[in-house]
Amino acid sequence: MTILADVCVAVRSKNAGPFWISADIFFDGRANFARYASSERLGAQVFGQLYGVNPALVKHFPVEALNMLKVSYPRPAPQGGMIERDMHGGQQFVPLLDIEL
């Protein structure tokens, strides 16, 4: 089975303001971008389950020129709050790496 880490050159996450996180998924070429960027396996439902957020709030931004998919989703708690465990959002990409495509 192919996992996301197998078809990407980089996957990262970052702070997108006090209420949002963005994940950047850089595919290893145009063919894999075309095949997987719009896949249900990277859809709002999957992000909702992985991060405990409402799938209706997950936003997808495909960037064809970079073979990249940006996905933004709301933080479960505001940045810097009492239960915040990743202030900069830099570790949130890890669960994405093992998604089966």
PDB file of N, CA and C in Angstrom:
ATOM      1  N   MET A   1       0.845  -1.181   0.000  1.00  0.00           N
ATOM      2  CA  MET A   1       0.000   0.000   0.000  1.00  0.00           C
ATOM      3  C   MET A   1       0.890   1.243   0.000  1.00  0.00           C
ATOM      4  N   THR A   2       0.521   2.219  -0.804  1.00  0.00           N
ATOM      5  CA  THR A   2       1.255   3.479  -0.876  1.00  0.00           C
ATOM      6  C   THR A   2       0.785   4.399   0.235  1.00  0.00           C
ATOM      7  N   ILE A   3       1.741   5.008   0.927  1.00  0.00           N
ATOM      8  CA  ILE A   3       1.406   6.006   1.947  1.00  0.00           C
ATOM      9  C   ILE A   3       1.864   7.373   1.459  1.00  0.00           C
ATOM     10  N   LEU A   4       1.358   8.418   2.081  1.00  0.00           N
ATOM     11  CA  LEU A   4       1.658   9.780   1.641  1.00  0.00           C
ATOM     12  C   LEU A   4       3.157  10.058   1.617  1.00  0.00           C
ATOM     13  N   ALA A   5       3.886   9.601   2.606  1.00  0.00           N
ATOM     14  CA  ALA A   5       5.325   9.845   2.659  1.00  0.00           C
ATOM     15  C   ALA A   5       6.052   9.285   1.439  1.00  0.00           C
ATOM     16  N   ASP A   6       5.490   8.256   0.793  1.00  0.00           N
ATOM     17  CA  ASP A   6       6.120   7.635  -0.375  1.00  0.00           C
ATOM     18  C   ASP A   6       6.025   8.484  -1.633  1.00  0.00           C
ATOM     19  N   VAL A   7       5.081   9.410  -1.706  1.00  0.00           N
ATOM     20  CA  VAL A   7       4.853  10.168  -2.938  1.00  0.00           C
ATOM     21  C   VAL A   7       5.115  11.662  -2.776  1.00  0.00           C
ATOM     22  N   CYS A   8       5.792  12.033  -1.694  1.00  0.00           N
ATOM     23  CA  CYS A   8       6.055  13.448  -1.418  1.00  0.00           C
ATOM     24  C   CYS A   8       7.539  13.705  -1.211  1.00  0.00           C
ATOM     25  N   VAL A   9       7.956  14.905  -1.573  1.00  0.00           N
ATOM     26  CA  VAL A   9       9.320  15.328  -1.258  1.00  0.00           C
ATOM     27  C   VAL A   9       9.352  16.051   0.081  1.00  0.00           C
ATOM     28  N   ALA A  10       8.219  16.601   0.486  1.00  0.00           N
ATOM     29  CA  ALA A  10       8.139  17.280   1.780  1.00  0.00           C
ATOM     30  C   ALA A  10       6.683  17.368   2.219  1.00  0.00           C
ATOM     31  N   VAL A  11       6.486  17.246   3.511  1.00  0.00           N
ATOM     32  CA  VAL A  11       5.184  17.488   4.129  1.00  0.00           C
ATOM     33  C   VAL A  11       5.489  18.292   5.376  1.00  0.00           C
ATOM     34  N   ARG A  12       4.833  19.433   5.519  1.00  0.00           N
ATOM     35  CA  ARG A  12       5.101  20.278   6.684  1.00  0.00           C
ATOM     36  C   ARG A  12       3.796  20.889   7.171  1.00  0.00           C
ATOM     37  N   SER A  13       3.840  21.356   8.384  1.00  0.00           N
ATOM     38  CA  SER A  13       2.690  22.070   8.939  1.00  0.00           C
ATOM     39  C   SER A  13       3.211  23.325   9.609  1.00  0.00           C
ATOM     40  N   LYS A  14       2.313  24.290   9.746  1.00  0.00           N
ATOM     41  CA  LYS A  14       2.732  25.555  10.346  1.00  0.00           C
ATOM     42  C   LYS A  14       1.528  26.321  10.866  1.00  0.00           C
ATOM     43  N   ASN A  15       1.833  27.237  11.716  1.00  0.00           N
ATOM     44  CA  ASN A  15       0.860  28.145  12.276  1.00  0.00           C
ATOM     45  C   ASN A  15       0.259  28.991  11.153  1.00  0.00           C
ATOM     46  N   ALA A  16      -1.047  29.124  11.144  1.00  0.00           N
ATOM     47  CA  ALA A  16      -1.713  29.982  10.163  1.00  0.00           C
ATOM     48  C   ALA A  16      -2.583  30.993  10.893  1.00  0.00           C
ATOM     49  N   GLY A  17      -2.067  31.488  11.991  1.00  0.00           N
ATOM     50  CA  GLY A  17      -2.801  32.430  12.823  1.00  0.00           C
ATOM     51  C   GLY A  17      -3.199  31.771  14.123  1.00  0.00           C
ATOM     52  N   PRO A  18      -3.805  32.501  15.015  1.00  0.00           N
ATOM     53  CA  PRO A  18      -4.117  31.955  16.340  1.00  0.00           C
ATOM     54  C   PRO A  18      -5.219  30.896  16.344  1.00  0.00           C
ATOM     55  N   PHE A  19      -5.927  30.740  15.229  1.00  0.00           N
ATOM     56  CA  PHE A  19      -7.045  29.806  15.200  1.00  0.00           C
ATOM     57  C   PHE A  19      -6.939  28.747  14.106  1.00  0.00           C
ATOM     58  N   TRP A  20      -5.855  28.758  13.311  1.00  0.00           N
ATOM     59  CA  TRP A  20      -5.727  27.847  12.173  1.00  0.00           C
ATOM     60  C   TRP A  20      -4.335  27.234  12.094  1.00  0.00           C
ATOM     61  N   ILE A  21      -4.271  26.036  11.489  1.00  0.00           N
ATOM     62  CA  ILE A  21      -3.031  25.344  11.139  1.00  0.00           C
ATOM     63  C   ILE A  21      -3.104  25.065   9.637  1.00  0.00           C
ATOM     64  N   SER A  22      -1.974  25.153   8.935  1.00  0.00           N
ATOM     65  CA  SER A  22      -1.911  24.774   7.521  1.00  0.00           C
ATOM     66  C   SER A  22      -0.907  23.652   7.342  1.00  0.00           C
ATOM     67  N   ALA A  23      -1.265  22.692   6.520  1.00  0.00           N
ATOM     68  CA  ALA A  23      -0.365  21.611   6.135  1.00  0.00           C
ATOM     69  C   ALA A  23      -0.042  21.786   4.658  1.00  0.00           C
ATOM     70  N   ASP A  24       1.241  21.733   4.332  1.00  0.00           N
ATOM     71  CA  ASP A  24       1.698  21.827   2.948  1.00  0.00           C
ATOM     72  C   ASP A  24       2.214  20.463   2.532  1.00  0.00           C
ATOM     73  N   ILE A  25       1.636  19.916   1.478  1.00  0.00           N
ATOM     74  CA  ILE A  25       1.981  18.591   0.980  1.00  0.00           C
ATOM     75  C   ILE A  25       2.586  18.762  -0.408  1.00  0.00           C
ATOM     76  N   PHE A  26       3.906  18.575  -0.520  1.00  0.00           N
ATOM     77  CA  PHE A  26       4.624  18.741  -1.778  1.00  0.00           C
ATOM     78  C   PHE A  26       4.827  17.371  -2.419  1.00  0.00           C
ATOM     79  N   PHE A  27       4.117  17.107  -3.491  1.00  0.00           N
ATOM     80  CA  PHE A  27       4.228  15.829  -4.194  1.00  0.00           C
ATOM     81  C   PHE A  27       5.521  15.776  -4.997  1.00  0.00           C
ATOM     82  N   ASP A  28       5.994  14.559  -5.274  1.00  0.00           N
ATOM     83  CA  ASP A  28       7.277  14.378  -5.951  1.00  0.00           C
ATOM     84  C   ASP A  28       7.206  14.524  -7.468  1.00  0.00           C
ATOM     85  N   GLY A  29       6.107  14.982  -7.986  1.00  0.00           N
ATOM     86  CA  GLY A  29       5.980  15.231  -9.420  1.00  0.00           C
ATOM     87  C   GLY A  29       4.543  15.497  -9.808  1.00  0.00           C
ATOM     88  N   ARG A  30       4.370  15.929 -11.029  1.00  0.00           N
ATOM     89  CA  ARG A  30       3.043  16.285 -11.527  1.00  0.00           C
ATOM     90  C   ARG A  30       2.095  15.094 -11.533  1.00  0.00           C
ATOM     91  N   ALA A  31       2.606  13.909 -11.854  1.00  0.00           N
ATOM     92  CA  ALA A  31       1.743  12.722 -11.930  1.00  0.00           C
ATOM     93  C   ALA A  31       1.140  12.400 -10.560  1.00  0.00           C
ATOM     94  N   ASN A  32       1.951  12.409  -9.526  1.00  0.00           N
ATOM     95  CA  ASN A  32       1.417  12.112  -8.189  1.00  0.00           C
ATOM     96  C   ASN A  32       0.542  13.247  -7.665  1.00  0.00           C
ATOM     97  N   PHE A  33       0.866  14.477  -8.020  1.00  0.00           N
ATOM     98  CA  PHE A  33      -0.017  15.588  -7.652  1.00  0.00           C
ATOM     99  C   PHE A  33      -1.393  15.379  -8.278  1.00  0.00           C
ATOM    100  N   ALA A  34      -1.419  15.099  -9.578  1.00  0.00           N
ATOM    101  CA  ALA A  34      -2.692  14.908 -10.282  1.00  0.00           C
ATOM    102  C   ALA A  34      -3.461  13.713  -9.723  1.00  0.00           C
ATOM    103  N   ARG A  35      -2.751  12.681  -9.335  1.00  0.00           N
ATOM    104  CA  ARG A  35      -3.405  11.464  -8.856  1.00  0.00           C
ATOM    105  C   ARG A  35      -3.949  11.606  -7.441  1.00  0.00           C
ATOM    106  N   TYR A  36      -3.222  12.292  -6.548  1.00  0.00           N
ATOM    107  CA  TYR A  36      -3.575  12.261  -5.134  1.00  0.00           C
ATOM    108  C   TYR A  36      -4.090  13.576  -4.535  1.00  0.00           C
ATOM    109  N   ALA A  37      -3.825  14.714  -5.149  1.00  0.00           N
ATOM    110  CA  ALA A  37      -4.197  15.995  -4.527  1.00  0.00           C
ATOM    111  C   ALA A  37      -5.702  16.127  -4.300  1.00  0.00           C
ATOM    112  N   SER A  38      -6.498  15.516  -5.164  1.00  0.00           N
ATOM    113  CA  SER A  38      -7.952  15.607  -5.002  1.00  0.00           C
ATOM    114  C   SER A  38      -8.549  14.309  -4.448  1.00  0.00           C
ATOM    115  N   SER A  39      -7.694  13.439  -3.973  1.00  0.00           N
ATOM    116  CA  SER A  39      -8.140  12.156  -3.444  1.00  0.00           C
ATOM    117  C   SER A  39      -8.960  12.321  -2.165  1.00  0.00           C
ATOM    118  N   GLU A  40      -9.957  11.470  -2.009  1.00  0.00           N
ATOM    119  CA  GLU A  40     -10.746  11.468  -0.769  1.00  0.00           C
ATOM    120  C   GLU A  40      -9.885  11.121   0.437  1.00  0.00           C
ATOM    121  N   ARG A  41      -8.770  10.424   0.208  1.00  0.00           N
ATOM    122  CA  ARG A  41      -7.865  10.053   1.306  1.00  0.00           C
ATOM    123  C   ARG A  41      -7.161  11.276   1.886  1.00  0.00           C
ATOM    124  N   LEU A  42      -7.214  12.416   1.182  1.00  0.00           N
ATOM    125  CA  LEU A  42      -6.691  13.675   1.699  1.00  0.00           C
ATOM    126  C   LEU A  42      -7.822  14.692   1.852  1.00  0.00           C
ATOM    127  N   GLY A  43      -9.031  14.183   1.919  1.00  0.00           N
ATOM    128  CA  GLY A  43     -10.209  15.034   1.988  1.00  0.00           C
ATOM    129  C   GLY A  43     -10.514  15.561   3.376  1.00  0.00           C
ATOM    130  N   ALA A  44     -11.535  16.367   3.439  1.00  0.00           N
ATOM    131  CA  ALA A  44     -11.937  17.021   4.684  1.00  0.00           C
ATOM    132  C   ALA A  44     -12.303  16.022   5.774  1.00  0.00           C
ATOM    133  N   GLN A  45     -12.932  14.921   5.390  1.00  0.00           N
ATOM    134  CA  GLN A  45     -13.315  13.905   6.395  1.00  0.00           C
ATOM    135  C   GLN A  45     -12.090  13.338   7.106  1.00  0.00           C
ATOM    136  N   VAL A  46     -11.046  13.052   6.342  1.00  0.00           N
ATOM    137  CA  VAL A  46      -9.820  12.488   6.919  1.00  0.00           C
ATOM    138  C   VAL A  46      -9.176  13.489   7.874  1.00  0.00           C
ATOM    139  N   PHE A  47      -9.079  14.754   7.460  1.00  0.00           N
ATOM    140  CA  PHE A  47      -8.497  15.773   8.326  1.00  0.00           C
ATOM    141  C   PHE A  47      -9.359  15.978   9.573  1.00  0.00           C
ATOM    142  N   GLY A  48     -10.668  15.899   9.397  1.00  0.00           N
ATOM    143  CA  GLY A  48     -11.566  16.016  10.545  1.00  0.00           C
ATOM    144  C   GLY A  48     -11.323  14.924  11.566  1.00  0.00           C
ATOM    145  N   GLN A  49     -11.151  13.699  11.089  1.00  0.00           N
ATOM    146  CA  GLN A  49     -10.897  12.577  11.998  1.00  0.00           C
ATOM    147  C   GLN A  49      -9.515  12.676  12.641  1.00  0.00           C
ATOM    148  N   LEU A  50      -8.500  12.991  11.843  1.00  0.00           N
ATOM    149  CA  LEU A  50      -7.134  13.048  12.365  1.00  0.00           C
ATOM    150  C   LEU A  50      -6.945  14.131  13.421  1.00  0.00           C
ATOM    151  N   TYR A  51      -7.571  15.280  13.195  1.00  0.00           N
ATOM    152  CA  TYR A  51      -7.311  16.432  14.052  1.00  0.00           C
ATOM    153  C   TYR A  51      -8.489  16.845  14.928  1.00  0.00           C
ATOM    154  N   GLY A  52      -9.567  16.078  14.875  1.00  0.00           N
ATOM    155  CA  GLY A  52     -10.710  16.360  15.730  1.00  0.00           C
ATOM    156  C   GLY A  52     -11.389  17.682  15.440  1.00  0.00           C
ATOM    157  N   VAL A  53     -11.520  17.994  14.152  1.00  0.00           N
ATOM    158  CA  VAL A  53     -12.160  19.251  13.755  1.00  0.00           C
ATOM    159  C   VAL A  53     -13.358  18.953  12.861  1.00  0.00           C
ATOM    160  N   ASN A  54     -14.220  19.921  12.720  1.00  0.00           N
ATOM    161  CA  ASN A  54     -15.383  19.811  11.854  1.00  0.00           C
ATOM    162  C   ASN A  54     -14.924  19.776  10.394  1.00  0.00           C
ATOM    163  N   PRO A  55     -15.194  18.700   9.658  1.00  0.00           N
ATOM    164  CA  PRO A  55     -14.761  18.609   8.258  1.00  0.00           C
ATOM    165  C   PRO A  55     -15.281  19.752   7.381  1.00  0.00           C
ATOM    166  N   ALA A  56     -16.402  20.322   7.737  1.00  0.00           N
ATOM    167  CA  ALA A  56     -16.956  21.426   6.946  1.00  0.00           C
ATOM    168  C   ALA A  56     -16.060  22.668   6.988  1.00  0.00           C
ATOM    169  N   LEU A  57     -15.167  22.736   7.960  1.00  0.00           N
ATOM    170  CA  LEU A  57     -14.287  23.895   8.099  1.00  0.00           C
ATOM    171  C   LEU A  57     -12.912  23.691   7.465  1.00  0.00           C
ATOM    172  N   VAL A  58     -12.625  22.490   6.996  1.00  0.00           N
ATOM    173  CA  VAL A  58     -11.328  22.187   6.376  1.00  0.00           C
ATOM    174  C   VAL A  58     -11.303  22.776   4.967  1.00  0.00           C
ATOM    175  N   LYS A  59     -10.202  23.468   4.630  1.00  0.00           N
ATOM    176  CA  LYS A  59     -10.084  24.127   3.328  1.00  0.00           C
ATOM    177  C   LYS A  59      -8.907  23.546   2.550  1.00  0.00           C
ATOM    178  N   HIS A  60      -9.126  23.282   1.259  1.00  0.00           N
ATOM    179  CA  HIS A  60      -8.091  22.745   0.384  1.00  0.00           C
ATOM    180  C   HIS A  60      -7.710  23.780  -0.663  1.00  0.00           C
ATOM    181  N   PHE A  61      -6.391  23.939  -0.879  1.00  0.00           N
ATOM    182  CA  PHE A  61      -5.870  24.869  -1.869  1.00  0.00           C
ATOM    183  C   PHE A  61      -4.810  24.162  -2.722  1.00  0.00           C
ATOM    184  N   PRO A  62      -5.193  23.563  -3.836  1.00  0.00           N
ATOM    185  CA  PRO A  62      -4.189  22.943  -4.696  1.00  0.00           C
ATOM    186  C   PRO A  62      -3.376  24.017  -5.432  1.00  0.00           C
ATOM    187  N   VAL A  63      -2.069  23.836  -5.466  1.00  0.00           N
ATOM    188  CA  VAL A  63      -1.163  24.756  -6.157  1.00  0.00           C
ATOM    189  C   VAL A  63      -0.428  23.948  -7.220  1.00  0.00           C
ATOM    190  N   GLU A  64      -1.018  23.883  -8.395  1.00  0.00           N
ATOM    191  CA  GLU A  64      -0.515  23.023  -9.461  1.00  0.00           C
ATOM    192  C   GLU A  64       0.908  23.379  -9.877  1.00  0.00           C
ATOM    193  N   ALA A  65       1.243  24.656  -9.925  1.00  0.00           N
ATOM    194  CA  ALA A  65       2.580  25.076 -10.359  1.00  0.00           C
ATOM    195  C   ALA A  65       3.685  24.531  -9.454  1.00  0.00           C
ATOM    196  N   LEU A  66       3.346  24.216  -8.213  1.00  0.00           N
ATOM    197  CA  LEU A  66       4.331  23.692  -7.255  1.00  0.00           C
ATOM    198  C   LEU A  66       4.111  22.214  -6.934  1.00  0.00           C
ATOM    199  N   ASN A  67       3.130  21.588  -7.581  1.00  0.00           N
ATOM    200  CA  ASN A  67       2.752  20.209  -7.252  1.00  0.00           C
ATOM    201  C   ASN A  67       2.491  20.083  -5.756  1.00  0.00           C
ATOM    202  N   MET A  68       1.758  21.028  -5.225  1.00  0.00           N
ATOM    203  CA  MET A  68       1.560  21.129  -3.786  1.00  0.00           C
ATOM    204  C   MET A  68       0.082  21.295  -3.440  1.00  0.00           C
ATOM    205  N   LEU A  69      -0.298  20.689  -2.340  1.00  0.00           N
ATOM    206  CA  LEU A  69      -1.644  20.857  -1.795  1.00  0.00           C
ATOM    207  C   LEU A  69      -1.517  21.480  -0.422  1.00  0.00           C
ATOM    208  N   LYS A  70      -2.173  22.610  -0.219  1.00  0.00           N
ATOM    209  CA  LYS A  70      -2.220  23.252   1.092  1.00  0.00           C
ATOM    210  C   LYS A  70      -3.594  22.948   1.683  1.00  0.00           C
ATOM    211  N   VAL A  71      -3.595  22.472   2.912  1.00  0.00           N
ATOM    212  CA  VAL A  71      -4.842  22.180   3.599  1.00  0.00           C
ATOM    213  C   VAL A  71      -4.826  22.954   4.914  1.00  0.00           C
ATOM    214  N   SER A  72      -5.852  23.756   5.140  1.00  0.00           N
ATOM    215  CA  SER A  72      -5.962  24.521   6.377  1.00  0.00           C
ATOM    216  C   SER A  72      -7.148  24.016   7.172  1.00  0.00           C
ATOM    217  N   TYR A  73      -6.945  23.948   8.474  1.00  0.00           N
ATOM    218  CA  TYR A  73      -8.009  23.484   9.362  1.00  0.00           C
ATOM    219  C   TYR A  73      -7.931  24.237  10.680  1.00  0.00           C
ATOM    220  N   PRO A  74      -9.057  24.391  11.357  1.00  0.00           N
ATOM    221  CA  PRO A  74      -9.050  25.150  12.614  1.00  0.00           C
ATOM    222  C   PRO A  74      -8.328  24.388  13.724  1.00  0.00           C
ATOM    223  N   ARG A  75      -7.663  25.133  14.566  1.00  0.00           N
ATOM    224  CA  ARG A  75      -7.034  24.539  15.752  1.00  0.00           C
ATOM    225  C   ARG A  75      -8.133  24.074  16.695  1.00  0.00           C
ATOM    226  N   PRO A  76      -7.913  22.987  17.414  1.00  0.00           N
ATOM    227  CA  PRO A  76      -8.910  22.571  18.395  1.00  0.00           C
ATOM    228  C   PRO A  76      -9.015  23.552  19.569  1.00  0.00           C
ATOM    229  N   ALA A  77      -7.947  24.298  19.806  1.00  0.00           N
ATOM    230  CA  ALA A  77      -7.928  25.332  20.851  1.00  0.00           C
ATOM    231  C   ALA A  77      -7.061  26.472  20.334  1.00  0.00           C
ATOM    232  N   PRO A  78      -7.326  27.698  20.732  1.00  0.00           N
ATOM    233  CA  PRO A  78      -6.534  28.833  20.248  1.00  0.00           C
ATOM    234  C   PRO A  78      -5.044  28.690  20.580  1.00  0.00           C
ATOM    235  N   GLN A  79      -4.224  29.264  19.708  1.00  0.00           N
ATOM    236  CA  GLN A  79      -2.783  29.246  19.926  1.00  0.00           C
ATOM    237  C   GLN A  79      -2.433  29.899  21.256  1.00  0.00           C
ATOM    238  N   GLY A  80      -1.578  29.232  22.011  1.00  0.00           N
ATOM    239  CA  GLY A  80      -1.131  29.777  23.282  1.00  0.00           C
ATOM    240  C   GLY A  80      -2.078  29.526  24.437  1.00  0.00           C
ATOM    241  N   GLY A  81      -3.167  28.806  24.187  1.00  0.00           N
ATOM    242  CA  GLY A  81      -4.135  28.517  25.241  1.00  0.00           C
ATOM    243  C   GLY A  81      -3.601  27.478  26.221  1.00  0.00           C
ATOM    244  N   MET A  82      -4.367  27.213  27.244  1.00  0.00           N
ATOM    245  CA  MET A  82      -3.942  26.306  28.308  1.00  0.00           C
ATOM    246  C   MET A  82      -3.649  24.897  27.807  1.00  0.00           C
ATOM    247  N   ILE A  83      -4.373  24.424  26.786  1.00  0.00           N
ATOM    248  CA  ILE A  83      -4.152  23.049  26.335  1.00  0.00           C
ATOM    249  C   ILE A  83      -3.324  22.981  25.044  1.00  0.00           C
ATOM    250  N   GLU A  84      -2.771  24.100  24.607  1.00  0.00           N
ATOM    251  CA  GLU A  84      -1.945  24.145  23.398  1.00  0.00           C
ATOM    252  C   GLU A  84      -0.674  23.323  23.610  1.00  0.00           C
ATOM    253  N   ARG A  85      -0.405  22.390  22.668  1.00  0.00           N
ATOM    254  CA  ARG A  85       0.786  21.556  22.796  1.00  0.00           C
ATOM    255  C   ARG A  85       1.793  21.771  21.674  1.00  0.00           C
ATOM    256  N   ASP A  86       1.444  22.560  20.678  1.00  0.00           N
ATOM    257  CA  ASP A  86       2.355  22.836  19.569  1.00  0.00           C
ATOM    258  C   ASP A  86       2.119  24.266  19.114  1.00  0.00           C
ATOM    259  N   MET A  87       2.716  25.194  19.803  1.00  0.00           N
ATOM    260  CA  MET A  87       2.482  26.625  19.604  1.00  0.00           C
ATOM    261  C   MET A  87       2.635  27.067  18.141  1.00  0.00           C
ATOM    262  N   HIS A  88       3.619  26.501  17.440  1.00  0.00           N
ATOM    263  CA  HIS A  88       3.888  26.921  16.065  1.00  0.00           C
ATOM    264  C   HIS A  88       3.265  26.001  15.012  1.00  0.00           C
ATOM    265  N   GLY A  89       2.633  24.926  15.445  1.00  0.00           N
ATOM    266  CA  GLY A  89       1.993  24.013  14.512  1.00  0.00           C
ATOM    267  C   GLY A  89       2.970  23.166  13.712  1.00  0.00           C
ATOM    268  N   GLY A  90       4.241  23.209  14.051  1.00  0.00           N
ATOM    269  CA  GLY A  90       5.279  22.542  13.278  1.00  0.00           C
ATOM    270  C   GLY A  90       5.304  21.034  13.380  1.00  0.00           C
ATOM    271  N   GLN A  91       4.590  20.445  14.321  1.00  0.00           N
ATOM    272  CA  GLN A  91       4.598  18.992  14.480  1.00  0.00           C
ATOM    273  C   GLN A  91       3.293  18.346  14.032  1.00  0.00           C
ATOM    274  N   GLN A  92       2.367  19.130  13.558  1.00  0.00           N
ATOM    275  CA  GLN A  92       1.044  18.603  13.219  1.00  0.00           C
ATOM    276  C   GLN A  92       1.020  17.773  11.939  1.00  0.00           C
ATOM    277  N   PHE A  93       2.068  17.822  11.138  1.00  0.00           N
ATOM    278  CA  PHE A  93       2.103  17.073   9.886  1.00  0.00           C
ATOM    279  C   PHE A  93       2.315  15.569  10.093  1.00  0.00           C
ATOM    280  N   VAL A  94       2.861  15.176  11.212  1.00  0.00           N
ATOM    281  CA  VAL A  94       3.286  13.782  11.419  1.00  0.00           C
ATOM    282  C   VAL A  94       2.178  12.758  11.150  1.00  0.00           C
ATOM    283  N   PRO A  95       0.940  12.918  11.631  1.00  0.00           N
ATOM    284  CA  PRO A  95      -0.088  11.915  11.338  1.00  0.00           C
ATOM    285  C   PRO A  95      -0.397  11.772   9.831  1.00  0.00           C
ATOM    286  N   LEU A  96      -0.091  12.787   9.054  1.00  0.00           N
ATOM    287  CA  LEU A  96      -0.370  12.730   7.615  1.00  0.00           C
ATOM    288  C   LEU A  96       0.543  11.755   6.890  1.00  0.00           C
ATOM    289  N   LEU A  97       1.755  11.586   7.360  1.00  0.00           N
ATOM    290  CA  LEU A  97       2.753  10.793   6.653  1.00  0.00           C
ATOM    291  C   LEU A  97       2.320   9.365   6.401  1.00  0.00           C
ATOM    292  N   ASP A  98       1.533   8.792   7.289  1.00  0.00           N
ATOM    293  CA  ASP A  98       1.136   7.386   7.169  1.00  0.00           C
ATOM    294  C   ASP A  98      -0.244   7.174   6.569  1.00  0.00           C
ATOM    295  N   ILE A  99      -0.840   8.225   6.002  1.00  0.00           N
ATOM    296  CA  ILE A  99      -2.146   8.060   5.357  1.00  0.00           C
ATOM    297  C   ILE A  99      -1.989   7.147   4.149  1.00  0.00           C
ATOM    298  N   GLU A 100      -2.802   6.105   4.105  1.00  0.00           N
ATOM    299  CA  GLU A 100      -2.787   5.196   2.957  1.00  0.00           C
ATOM    300  C   GLU A 100      -3.554   5.808   1.802  1.00  0.00           C
ATOM    301  N   LEU A 101      -2.905   5.865   0.676  1.00  0.00           N
ATOM    302  CA  LEU A 101      -3.517   6.433  -0.514  1.00  0.00           C
ATOM    303  C   LEU A 101      -4.025   5.318  -1.383  1.00  0.00           C
TER     304      LEU A 101
END
